[in-house]
PDB file of N, CA and C in Angstrom:
ATOM      1  N   MET A   1       0.969  -1.192   0.185  1.00  0.00           N
ATOM      2  CA  MET A   1      -0.333   0.317  -0.010  1.00  0.00           C
ATOM      3  C   MET A   1       0.911   1.440   0.101  1.00  0.00           C
ATOM      4  N   SER A   2       0.517   2.932  -0.734  1.00  0.00           N
ATOM      5  CA  SER A   2       1.319   3.714  -0.846  1.00  0.00           C
ATOM      6  C   SER A   2       1.397   4.242   0.287  1.00  0.00           C
ATOM      7  N   SER A   3       2.411   5.112   0.476  1.00  0.00           N
ATOM      8  CA  SER A   3       2.497   6.552   2.173  1.00  0.00           C
ATOM      9  C   SER A   3       1.799   7.126   2.272  1.00  0.00           C
ATOM     10  N   VAL A   4       1.503   7.407   3.398  1.00  0.00           N
ATOM     11  CA  VAL A   4       0.535   8.926   3.274  1.00  0.00           C
ATOM     12  C   VAL A   4       1.190  10.145   2.736  1.00  0.00           C
ATOM     13  N   VAL A   5       0.605  10.753   2.144  1.00  0.00           N
ATOM     14  CA  VAL A   5       1.314  12.051   1.688  1.00  0.00           C
ATOM     15  C   VAL A   5       1.087  13.065   3.002  1.00  0.00           C
ATOM     16  N   THR A   6       1.787  13.748   3.453  1.00  0.00           N
ATOM     17  CA  THR A   6       0.857  15.103   4.063  1.00  0.00           C
ATOM     18  C   THR A   6       2.228  16.309   3.352  1.00  0.00           C
ATOM     19  N   ALA A   7       0.926  17.684   4.500  1.00  0.00           N
ATOM     20  CA  ALA A   7       1.812  18.864   3.671  1.00  0.00           C
ATOM     21  C   ALA A   7       2.236  19.770   4.998  1.00  0.00           C
ATOM     22  N   GLU A   8       3.472  19.770   5.159  1.00  0.00           N
ATOM     23  CA  GLU A   8       3.722  20.349   5.942  1.00  0.00           C
ATOM     24  C   GLU A   8       5.011  21.500   5.029  1.00  0.00           C
ATOM     25  N   PHE A   9       3.717  22.638   5.386  1.00  0.00           N
ATOM     26  CA  PHE A   9       4.530  23.543   4.595  1.00  0.00           C
ATOM     27  C   PHE A   9       5.983  23.885   5.695  1.00  0.00           C
ATOM     28  N   ILE A  10       6.625  24.553   5.016  1.00  0.00           N
ATOM     29  CA  ILE A  10       8.045  24.891   5.662  1.00  0.00           C
ATOM     30  C   ILE A  10       7.305  26.668   5.814  1.00  0.00           C
ATOM     31  N   SER A  11       8.699  27.222   6.899  1.00  0.00           N
ATOM     32  CA  SER A  11       7.877  28.423   7.249  1.00  0.00           C
ATOM     33  C   SER A  11       8.375  29.585   5.867  1.00  0.00           C
ATOM     34  N   THR A  12       7.714  30.768   6.283  1.00  0.00           N
ATOM     35  CA  THR A  12       7.275  31.569   4.682  1.00  0.00           C
ATOM     36  C   THR A  12       9.083  32.342   4.877  1.00  0.00           C
ATOM     37  N   ARG A  13       9.278  32.174   3.300  1.00  0.00           N
ATOM     38  CA  ARG A  13      10.826  32.886   3.309  1.00  0.00           C
ATOM     39  C   ARG A  13      10.420  33.225   1.660  1.00  0.00           C
ATOM     40  N   GLU A  14      11.158  34.696   1.722  1.00  0.00           N
ATOM     41  CA  GLU A  14      11.372  35.272   0.518  1.00  0.00           C
ATOM     42  C   GLU A  14      12.561  34.600  -0.970  1.00  0.00           C
ATOM     43  N   VAL A  15      12.097  34.560  -1.971  1.00  0.00           N
ATOM     44  CA  VAL A  15      12.546  33.980  -3.224  1.00  0.00           C
ATOM     45  C   VAL A  15      12.749  35.339  -4.119  1.00  0.00           C
ATOM     46  N   ALA A  16      14.081  35.083  -4.537  1.00  0.00           N
ATOM     47  CA  ALA A  16      13.837  36.169  -5.321  1.00  0.00           C
ATOM     48  C   ALA A  16      14.025  35.658  -7.709  1.00  0.00           C
ATOM     49  N   SER A  17      13.933  34.234  -7.222  1.00  0.00           N
ATOM     50  CA  SER A  17      13.397  33.693  -8.496  1.00  0.00           C
ATOM     51  C   SER A  17      12.348  32.137  -8.355  1.00  0.00           C
ATOM     52  N   LEU A  18      11.881  32.314  -9.175  1.00  0.00           N
ATOM     53  CA  LEU A  18      11.588  30.440  -9.534  1.00  0.00           C
ATOM     54  C   LEU A  18      13.010  29.689  -9.592  1.00  0.00           C
ATOM     55  N   ASP A  19      14.553  30.383 -10.071  1.00  0.00           N
ATOM     56  CA  ASP A  19      15.285  28.861  -9.386  1.00  0.00           C
ATOM     57  C   ASP A  19      15.763  28.899  -8.360  1.00  0.00           C
ATOM     58  N   ASP A  20      15.555  30.197  -7.797  1.00  0.00           N
ATOM     59  CA  ASP A  20      15.527  30.196  -5.853  1.00  0.00           C
ATOM     60  C   ASP A  20      14.407  28.994  -5.174  1.00  0.00           C
ATOM     61  N   ALA A  21      13.022  29.086  -5.921  1.00  0.00           N
ATOM     62  CA  ALA A  21      12.165  28.382  -5.292  1.00  0.00           C
ATOM     63  C   ALA A  21      12.236  26.844  -5.337  1.00  0.00           C
ATOM     64  N   LEU A  22      13.178  26.114  -6.973  1.00  0.00           N
ATOM     65  CA  LEU A  22      13.455  25.547  -7.090  1.00  0.00           C
ATOM     66  C   LEU A  22      14.267  24.351  -6.667  1.00  0.00           C
ATOM     67  N   ARG A  23      15.314  25.104  -5.843  1.00  0.00           N
ATOM     68  CA  ARG A  23      16.357  25.098  -4.943  1.00  0.00           C
ATOM     69  C   ARG A  23      15.467  24.480  -3.719  1.00  0.00           C
ATOM     70  N   LEU A  24      14.895  25.529  -3.333  1.00  0.00           N
ATOM     71  CA  LEU A  24      14.694  25.014  -1.811  1.00  0.00           C
ATOM     72  C   LEU A  24      13.784  23.981  -1.857  1.00  0.00           C
ATOM     73  N   LEU A  25      12.567  23.746  -2.976  1.00  0.00           N
ATOM     74  CA  LEU A  25      12.102  22.843  -3.133  1.00  0.00           C
ATOM     75  C   LEU A  25      12.792  21.528  -3.160  1.00  0.00           C
ATOM     76  N   ALA A  26      13.738  21.015  -3.630  1.00  0.00           N
ATOM     77  CA  ALA A  26      15.086  20.166  -4.077  1.00  0.00           C
ATOM     78  C   ALA A  26      15.342  19.986  -2.272  1.00  0.00           C
ATOM     79  N   GLU A  27      15.888  20.964  -2.167  1.00  0.00           N
ATOM     80  CA  GLU A  27      16.591  20.637  -0.660  1.00  0.00           C
ATOM     81  C   GLU A  27      15.753  20.159   0.236  1.00  0.00           C
ATOM     82  N   SER A  28      14.318  20.943   0.618  1.00  0.00           N
ATOM     83  CA  SER A  28      13.493  20.152   1.550  1.00  0.00           C
ATOM     84  C   SER A  28      12.522  19.234   1.382  1.00  0.00           C
ATOM     85  N   ARG A  29      12.545  19.372   0.056  1.00  0.00           N
ATOM     86  CA  ARG A  29      11.090  17.912  -0.405  1.00  0.00           C
ATOM     87  C   ARG A  29      10.205  18.079   0.113  1.00  0.00           C
ATOM     88  N   GLN A  30       9.850  19.243   0.573  1.00  0.00           N
ATOM     89  CA  GLN A  30       8.303  19.738   1.323  1.00  0.00           C
ATOM     90  C   GLN A  30       7.842  20.809   0.080  1.00  0.00           C
ATOM     91  N   PRO A  31       5.826  20.475   0.272  1.00  0.00           N
ATOM     92  CA  PRO A  31       5.511  21.895  -0.706  1.00  0.00           C
ATOM     93  C   PRO A  31       5.353  22.966  -0.535  1.00  0.00           C
ATOM     94  N   ILE A  32       5.817  23.736  -1.499  1.00  0.00           N
ATOM     95  CA  ILE A  32       5.831  24.771  -1.325  1.00  0.00           C
ATOM     96  C   ILE A  32       4.779  26.315  -1.611  1.00  0.00           C
ATOM     97  N   LEU A  33       4.499  26.908  -1.025  1.00  0.00           N
ATOM     98  CA  LEU A  33       3.354  27.836  -1.325  1.00  0.00           C
ATOM     99  C   LEU A  33       4.176  29.014  -2.245  1.00  0.00           C
ATOM    100  N   LEU A  34       3.840  29.479  -2.913  1.00  0.00           N
ATOM    101  CA  LEU A  34       4.713  30.336  -3.409  1.00  0.00           C
ATOM    102  C   LEU A  34       3.294  31.228  -4.054  1.00  0.00           C
ATOM    103  N   GLU A  35       3.075  32.963  -3.604  1.00  0.00           N
ATOM    104  CA  GLU A  35       2.179  34.041  -4.127  1.00  0.00           C
ATOM    105  C   GLU A  35       3.305  35.034  -4.370  1.00  0.00           C
ATOM    106  N   ALA A  36       3.144  35.478  -5.851  1.00  0.00           N
ATOM    107  CA  ALA A  36       3.713  36.653  -6.588  1.00  0.00           C
ATOM    108  C   ALA A  36       2.422  37.370  -6.478  1.00  0.00           C
ATOM    109  N   THR A  37       2.954  38.753  -7.293  1.00  0.00           N
ATOM    110  CA  THR A  37       2.242  39.926  -7.986  1.00  0.00           C
ATOM    111  C   THR A  37       2.417  39.723  -8.837  1.00  0.00           C
ATOM    112  N   VAL A  38       1.691  39.744 -10.305  1.00  0.00           N
ATOM    113  CA  VAL A  38       1.974  39.829 -11.934  1.00  0.00           C
ATOM    114  C   VAL A  38       0.784  40.634 -12.125  1.00  0.00           C
ATOM    115  N   GLU A  39       1.471  42.170 -12.008  1.00  0.00           N
ATOM    116  CA  GLU A  39       0.935  42.976 -13.270  1.00  0.00           C
ATOM    117  C   GLU A  39      -0.510  43.404 -11.974  1.00  0.00           C
ATOM    118  N   GLY A  40      -0.077  43.802 -10.981  1.00  0.00           N
ATOM    119  CA  GLY A  40      -0.781  44.342 -10.063  1.00  0.00           C
ATOM    120  C   GLY A  40      -2.097  43.190  -9.541  1.00  0.00           C
ATOM    121  N   LYS A  41      -1.639  41.656 -10.101  1.00  0.00           N
ATOM    122  CA  LYS A  41      -2.980  41.024  -9.255  1.00  0.00           C
ATOM    123  C   LYS A  41      -1.540  39.923  -8.459  1.00  0.00           C
ATOM    124  N   LEU A  42      -2.339  39.740  -7.371  1.00  0.00           N
ATOM    125  CA  LEU A  42      -1.906  38.491  -6.309  1.00  0.00           C
ATOM    126  C   LEU A  42      -1.616  36.975  -7.289  1.00  0.00           C
ATOM    127  N   SER A  43      -1.036  36.390  -7.383  1.00  0.00           N
ATOM    128  CA  SER A  43      -1.102  34.699  -8.191  1.00  0.00           C
ATOM    129  C   SER A  43      -0.429  33.900  -6.981  1.00  0.00           C
ATOM    130  N   ARG A  44      -1.003  32.853  -6.993  1.00  0.00           N
ATOM    131  CA  ARG A  44      -0.698  31.950  -5.506  1.00  0.00           C
ATOM    132  C   ARG A  44      -0.178  30.558  -6.798  1.00  0.00           C
ATOM    133  N   GLY A  45       0.337  29.849  -6.191  1.00  0.00           N
ATOM    134  CA  GLY A  45       0.933  28.561  -6.987  1.00  0.00           C
ATOM    135  C   GLY A  45       1.309  27.469  -5.864  1.00  0.00           C
ATOM    136  N   MET A  46       1.697  26.222  -6.097  1.00  0.00           N
ATOM    137  CA  MET A  46       2.129  25.145  -5.438  1.00  0.00           C
ATOM    138  C   MET A  46       2.880  24.916  -6.235  1.00  0.00           C
ATOM    139  N   LEU A  47       4.160  24.502  -5.734  1.00  0.00           N
ATOM    140  CA  LEU A  47       5.466  23.362  -5.885  1.00  0.00           C
ATOM    141  C   LEU A  47       5.276  22.451  -5.138  1.00  0.00           C
ATOM    142  N   VAL A  48       5.744  21.319  -6.015  1.00  0.00           N
ATOM    143  CA  VAL A  48       5.470  20.288  -4.781  1.00  0.00           C
ATOM    144  C   VAL A  48       6.175  19.127  -5.659  1.00  0.00           C
ATOM    145  N   ASP A  49       7.312  18.447  -4.682  1.00  0.00           N
ATOM    146  CA  ASP A  49       7.626  17.540  -5.457  1.00  0.00           C
ATOM    147  C   ASP A  49       7.099  16.289  -6.192  1.00  0.00           C
ATOM    148  N   TYR A  50       7.921  15.827  -7.229  1.00  0.00           N
ATOM    149  CA  TYR A  50       7.393  14.858  -8.650  1.00  0.00           C
ATOM    150  C   TYR A  50       7.082  13.769  -8.114  1.00  0.00           C
ATOM    151  N   GLU A  51       7.476  12.965  -7.478  1.00  0.00           N
ATOM    152  CA  GLU A  51       6.992  12.141  -6.427  1.00  0.00           C
ATOM    153  C   GLU A  51       5.937  12.336  -5.821  1.00  0.00           C
ATOM    154  N   ALA A  52       5.945  12.827  -4.739  1.00  0.00           N
ATOM    155  CA  ALA A  52       4.205  13.641  -4.027  1.00  0.00           C
ATOM    156  C   ALA A  52       3.098  13.630  -4.621  1.00  0.00           C
ATOM    157  N   TYR A  53       3.628  14.716  -6.273  1.00  0.00           N
ATOM    158  CA  TYR A  53       2.250  15.035  -6.751  1.00  0.00           C
ATOM    159  C   TYR A  53       2.034  13.462  -7.255  1.00  0.00           C
ATOM    160  N   ARG A  54       2.838  12.206  -7.691  1.00  0.00           N
ATOM    161  CA  ARG A  54       2.396  11.492  -8.506  1.00  0.00           C
ATOM    162  C   ARG A  54       1.881  10.107  -7.300  1.00  0.00           C
ATOM    163  N   GLU A  55       2.201  10.648  -6.041  1.00  0.00           N
ATOM    164  CA  GLU A  55       1.143   9.610  -5.192  1.00  0.00           C
ATOM    165  C   GLU A  55      -0.411  10.452  -5.053  1.00  0.00           C
ATOM    166  N   LEU A  56      -0.051  11.656  -5.273  1.00  0.00           N
ATOM    167  CA  LEU A  56      -1.277  12.160  -4.757  1.00  0.00           C
ATOM    168  C   LEU A  56      -2.396  12.064  -5.650  1.00  0.00           C
ATOM    169  N   LEU A  57      -1.724  12.039  -7.530  1.00  0.00           N
ATOM    170  CA  LEU A  57      -2.811  11.290  -8.467  1.00  0.00           C
ATOM    171  C   LEU A  57      -3.631   9.932  -8.165  1.00  0.00           C
ATOM    172  N   GLN A  58      -2.597   9.493  -7.695  1.00  0.00           N
ATOM    173  CA  GLN A  58      -2.823   7.864  -7.777  1.00  0.00           C
ATOM    174  C   GLN A  58      -4.057   7.506  -6.471  1.00  0.00           C
ATOM    175  N   ARG A  59      -4.194   8.216  -5.716  1.00  0.00           N
ATOM    176  CA  ARG A  59      -4.692   8.034  -4.838  1.00  0.00           C
ATOM    177  C   ARG A  59      -6.122   9.086  -4.754  1.00  0.00           C
ATOM    178  N   LEU A  60      -5.733   9.861  -5.952  1.00  0.00           N
ATOM    179  CA  LEU A  60      -7.132  10.847  -6.456  1.00  0.00           C
ATOM    180  C   LEU A  60      -7.753   9.258  -7.162  1.00  0.00           C
ATOM    181  N   GLU A  61      -7.147   8.426  -8.172  1.00  0.00           N
ATOM    182  CA  GLU A  61      -7.854   7.908  -8.764  1.00  0.00           C
ATOM    183  C   GLU A  61      -8.185   6.613  -8.169  1.00  0.00           C
ATOM    184  N   ASP A  62      -7.256   6.620  -7.070  1.00  0.00           N
ATOM    185  CA  ASP A  62      -8.281   5.113  -6.109  1.00  0.00           C
ATOM    186  C   ASP A  62      -9.268   5.661  -5.725  1.00  0.00           C
ATOM    187  N   LEU A  63      -9.861   7.150  -5.266  1.00  0.00           N
ATOM    188  CA  LEU A  63     -10.840   7.074  -4.535  1.00  0.00           C
ATOM    189  C   LEU A  63     -12.139   7.073  -6.418  1.00  0.00           C
ATOM    190  N   GLU A  64     -11.520   7.222  -7.088  1.00  0.00           N
ATOM    191  CA  GLU A  64     -12.626   7.469  -8.068  1.00  0.00           C
ATOM    192  C   GLU A  64     -12.891   6.174  -8.648  1.00  0.00           C
ATOM    193  N   ASP A  65     -12.162   5.032  -8.473  1.00  0.00           N
ATOM    194  CA  ASP A  65     -12.554   3.097  -8.847  1.00  0.00           C
ATOM    195  C   ASP A  65     -13.797   3.168  -7.462  1.00  0.00           C
ATOM    196  N   LEU A  66     -12.797   3.371  -6.114  1.00  0.00           N
ATOM    197  CA  LEU A  66     -13.858   2.834  -4.672  1.00  0.00           C
ATOM    198  C   LEU A  66     -15.152   4.021  -5.070  1.00  0.00           C
ATOM    199  N   ARG A  67     -15.402   4.967  -5.431  1.00  0.00           N
ATOM    200  CA  ARG A  67     -17.149   5.613  -5.632  1.00  0.00           C
ATOM    201  C   ARG A  67     -17.368   4.886  -6.524  1.00  0.00           C
ATOM    202  N   ALA A  68     -16.660   4.371  -7.621  1.00  0.00           N
ATOM    203  CA  ALA A  68     -16.992   4.270  -9.026  1.00  0.00           C
ATOM    204  C   ALA A  68     -18.273   2.708  -8.625  1.00  0.00           C
ATOM    205  N   MET A  69     -17.003   1.554  -7.877  1.00  0.00           N
ATOM    206  CA  MET A  69     -17.487   0.695  -7.194  1.00  0.00           C
ATOM    207  C   MET A  69     -18.333   0.569  -6.293  1.00  0.00           C
ATOM    208  N   ARG A  70     -18.924   1.653  -5.261  1.00  0.00           N
ATOM    209  CA  ARG A  70     -19.657   1.728  -4.283  1.00  0.00           C
ATOM    210  C   ARG A  70     -21.048   1.900  -5.698  1.00  0.00           C
ATOM    211  N   GLU A  71     -20.918   2.847  -5.920  1.00  0.00           N
ATOM    212  CA  GLU A  71     -21.898   3.137  -7.206  1.00  0.00           C
ATOM    213  C   GLU A  71     -22.734   1.852  -8.348  1.00  0.00           C
ATOM    214  N   ALA A  72     -21.466   0.856  -8.328  1.00  0.00           N
ATOM    215  CA  ALA A  72     -21.823  -0.064  -8.853  1.00  0.00           C
ATOM    216  C   ALA A  72     -22.635  -1.399  -8.166  1.00  0.00           C
ATOM    217  N   GLU A  73     -22.226  -1.454  -6.746  1.00  0.00           N
ATOM    218  CA  GLU A  73     -22.813  -1.737  -5.524  1.00  0.00           C
ATOM    219  C   GLU A  73     -24.466  -1.491  -5.745  1.00  0.00           C
ATOM    220  N   ALA A  74     -24.259  -0.139  -5.227  1.00  0.00           N
ATOM    221  CA  ALA A  74     -25.806   0.341  -5.358  1.00  0.00           C
ATOM    222  C   ALA A  74     -27.032  -0.291  -6.066  1.00  0.00           C
ATOM    223  N   GLU A  75     -25.819   0.139  -7.287  1.00  0.00           N
ATOM    224  CA  GLU A  75     -26.997  -0.479  -8.612  1.00  0.00           C
ATOM    225  C   GLU A  75     -27.783  -1.684  -8.627  1.00  0.00           C
ATOM    226  N   TYR A  76     -26.728  -2.765  -8.170  1.00  0.00           N
ATOM    227  CA  TYR A  76     -26.796  -4.077  -8.506  1.00  0.00           C
ATOM    228  C   TYR A  76     -28.489  -4.530  -7.405  1.00  0.00           C
ATOM    229  N   ARG A  77     -27.755  -3.311  -5.905  1.00  0.00           N
ATOM    230  CA  ARG A  77     -28.743  -4.041  -4.937  1.00  0.00           C
ATOM    231  C   ARG A  77     -30.071  -3.775  -5.197  1.00  0.00           C
ATOM    232  N   ALA A  78     -29.994  -2.085  -5.634  1.00  0.00           N
ATOM    233  CA  ALA A  78     -31.452  -2.349  -6.434  1.00  0.00           C
ATOM    234  C   ALA A  78     -31.950  -2.959  -7.587  1.00  0.00           C
ATOM    235  N   GLY A  79     -31.592  -3.780  -7.968  1.00  0.00           N
ATOM    236  CA  GLY A  79     -31.935  -4.404  -9.333  1.00  0.00           C
ATOM    237  C   GLY A  79     -31.397  -4.364 -10.402  1.00  0.00           C
ATOM    238  N   ASP A  80     -30.554  -3.151 -10.668  1.00  0.00           N
ATOM    239  CA  ASP A  80     -30.946  -2.505 -11.865  1.00  0.00           C
ATOM    240  C   ASP A  80     -29.451  -2.984 -12.859  1.00  0.00           C
ATOM    241  N   GLY A  81     -28.596  -3.501 -11.967  1.00  0.00           N
ATOM    242  CA  GLY A  81     -27.507  -4.349 -12.196  1.00  0.00           C
ATOM    243  C   GLY A  81     -27.487  -5.307 -12.978  1.00  0.00           C
ATOM    244  N   ARG A  82     -26.157  -5.950 -13.694  1.00  0.00           N
ATOM    245  CA  ARG A  82     -26.101  -7.101 -14.191  1.00  0.00           C
ATOM    246  C   ARG A  82     -25.618  -7.779 -13.625  1.00  0.00           C
ATOM    247  N   PRO A  83     -25.745  -9.545 -13.666  1.00  0.00           N
ATOM    248  CA  PRO A  83     -23.912 -10.076 -13.259  1.00  0.00           C
ATOM    249  C   PRO A  83     -23.240 -10.265 -13.823  1.00  0.00           C
ATOM    250  N   PHE A  84     -21.908 -10.482 -13.066  1.00  0.00           N
ATOM    251  CA  PHE A  84     -20.420 -10.186 -13.108  1.00  0.00           C
ATOM    252  C   PHE A  84     -20.379 -10.808 -14.318  1.00  0.00           C
ATOM    253  N   SER A  85     -20.497 -12.135 -14.136  1.00  0.00           N
ATOM    254  CA  SER A  85     -20.368 -13.115 -14.729  1.00  0.00           C
ATOM    255  C   SER A  85     -20.908 -12.929 -16.695  1.00  0.00           C
ATOM    256  N   GLU A  86     -22.315 -11.991 -16.844  1.00  0.00           N
ATOM    257  CA  GLU A  86     -22.386 -11.690 -17.686  1.00  0.00           C
ATOM    258  C   GLU A  86     -21.151 -10.650 -18.735  1.00  0.00           C
ATOM    259  N   ILE A  87     -20.938  -9.168 -17.513  1.00  0.00           N
ATOM    260  CA  ILE A  87     -20.313  -8.546 -18.225  1.00  0.00           C
ATOM    261  C   ILE A  87     -18.710  -9.045 -19.177  1.00  0.00           C
ATOM    262  N   VAL A  88     -18.156  -9.663 -17.902  1.00  0.00           N
ATOM    263  CA  VAL A  88     -17.413 -10.398 -17.888  1.00  0.00           C
ATOM    264  C   VAL A  88     -17.072 -11.277 -19.520  1.00  0.00           C
ATOM    265  N   ALA A  89     -18.024 -12.059 -19.632  1.00  0.00           N
ATOM    266  CA  ALA A  89     -18.485 -12.337 -21.330  1.00  0.00           C
ATOM    267  C   ALA A  89     -18.697 -11.342 -21.976  1.00  0.00           C
ATOM    268  N   GLU A  90     -19.157 -10.385 -22.191  1.00  0.00           N
ATOM    269  CA  GLU A  90     -19.195  -9.520 -22.590  1.00  0.00           C
ATOM    270  C   GLU A  90     -17.899  -8.675 -23.166  1.00  0.00           C
ATOM    271  N   LEU A  91     -17.346  -8.431 -22.717  1.00  0.00           N
ATOM    272  CA  LEU A  91     -15.418  -7.818 -22.512  1.00  0.00           C
ATOM    273  C   LEU A  91     -14.858  -8.944 -23.371  1.00  0.00           C
ATOM    274  N   LYS A  92     -14.780 -10.264 -22.428  1.00  0.00           N
ATOM    275  CA  LYS A  92     -14.048 -11.368 -23.687  1.00  0.00           C
ATOM    276  C   LYS A  92     -14.592 -11.184 -25.353  1.00  0.00           C
ATOM    277  N   ALA A  93     -16.056 -10.906 -25.766  1.00  0.00           N
ATOM    278  CA  ALA A  93     -16.467 -11.073 -26.911  1.00  0.00           C
ATOM    279  C   ALA A  93     -16.040  -9.395 -27.534  1.00  0.00           C
ATOM    280  N   GLU A  94     -15.852  -8.415 -27.142  1.00  0.00           N
ATOM    281  CA  GLU A  94     -15.580  -7.381 -27.313  1.00  0.00           C
ATOM    282  C   GLU A  94     -13.586  -7.367 -28.229  1.00  0.00           C
ATOM    283  N   GLU A  95     -13.140  -7.842 -27.310  1.00  0.00           N
ATOM    284  CA  GLU A  95     -11.650  -7.812 -27.018  1.00  0.00           C
ATOM    285  C   GLU A  95     -11.721  -8.905 -28.624  1.00  0.00           C
ATOM    286  N   LYS A  96     -12.529 -10.333 -28.770  1.00  0.00           N
ATOM    287  CA  LYS A  96     -11.777 -10.454 -29.215  1.00  0.00           C
ATOM    288  C   LYS A  96     -12.203 -10.269 -30.978  1.00  0.00           C
ATOM    289  N   GLY A  97     -13.073  -9.539 -30.939  1.00  0.00           N
ATOM    290  CA  GLY A  97     -13.977  -8.749 -32.237  1.00  0.00           C
ATOM    291  C   GLY A  97     -12.825  -7.376 -32.645  1.00  0.00           C
ATOM    292  N   ASN A  98     -11.956  -6.982 -31.541  1.00  0.00           N
ATOM    293  CA  ASN A  98     -10.649  -6.335 -32.088  1.00  0.00           C
ATOM    294  C   ASN A  98      -9.389  -6.527 -32.376  1.00  0.00           C
ATOM    295  N   VAL A  99      -9.675  -7.852 -32.044  1.00  0.00           N
ATOM    296  CA  VAL A  99      -7.687  -8.309 -32.228  1.00  0.00           C
ATOM    297  C   VAL A  99      -7.840  -8.462 -33.808  1.00  0.00           C
TER     298      VAL A  99
END
C-alpha cells in the first residue's frame, strides 16, 4: 500500500526567482506555496515534489475507483445491475472483435 502524503509547509521565506524556489524544493522536499504579484494581481501556486504529486494522483484515482465500485454495488442491489459473469463474457467478446 502507498504511504500517506502530508503537506507540512516550511516557514515563510522570500525568494528572488523561480530558480531559488526550485532549489528550496529540492533541499526540503516539502510543498512550497508561492505568492507573487503579477501586473498588480496576486497569483498563487504550489510547488510539489514530483513523487508526492504522482502519489496524490494515484490516491485520487483510487478514490474514483472506490466511488465507482460503490455506485455499481448500489445499482446491483437496487436490481438495476447485471451479473458479473455476463459483463466478463461481454468484455471477452469485445476483445476478440478488436484483435
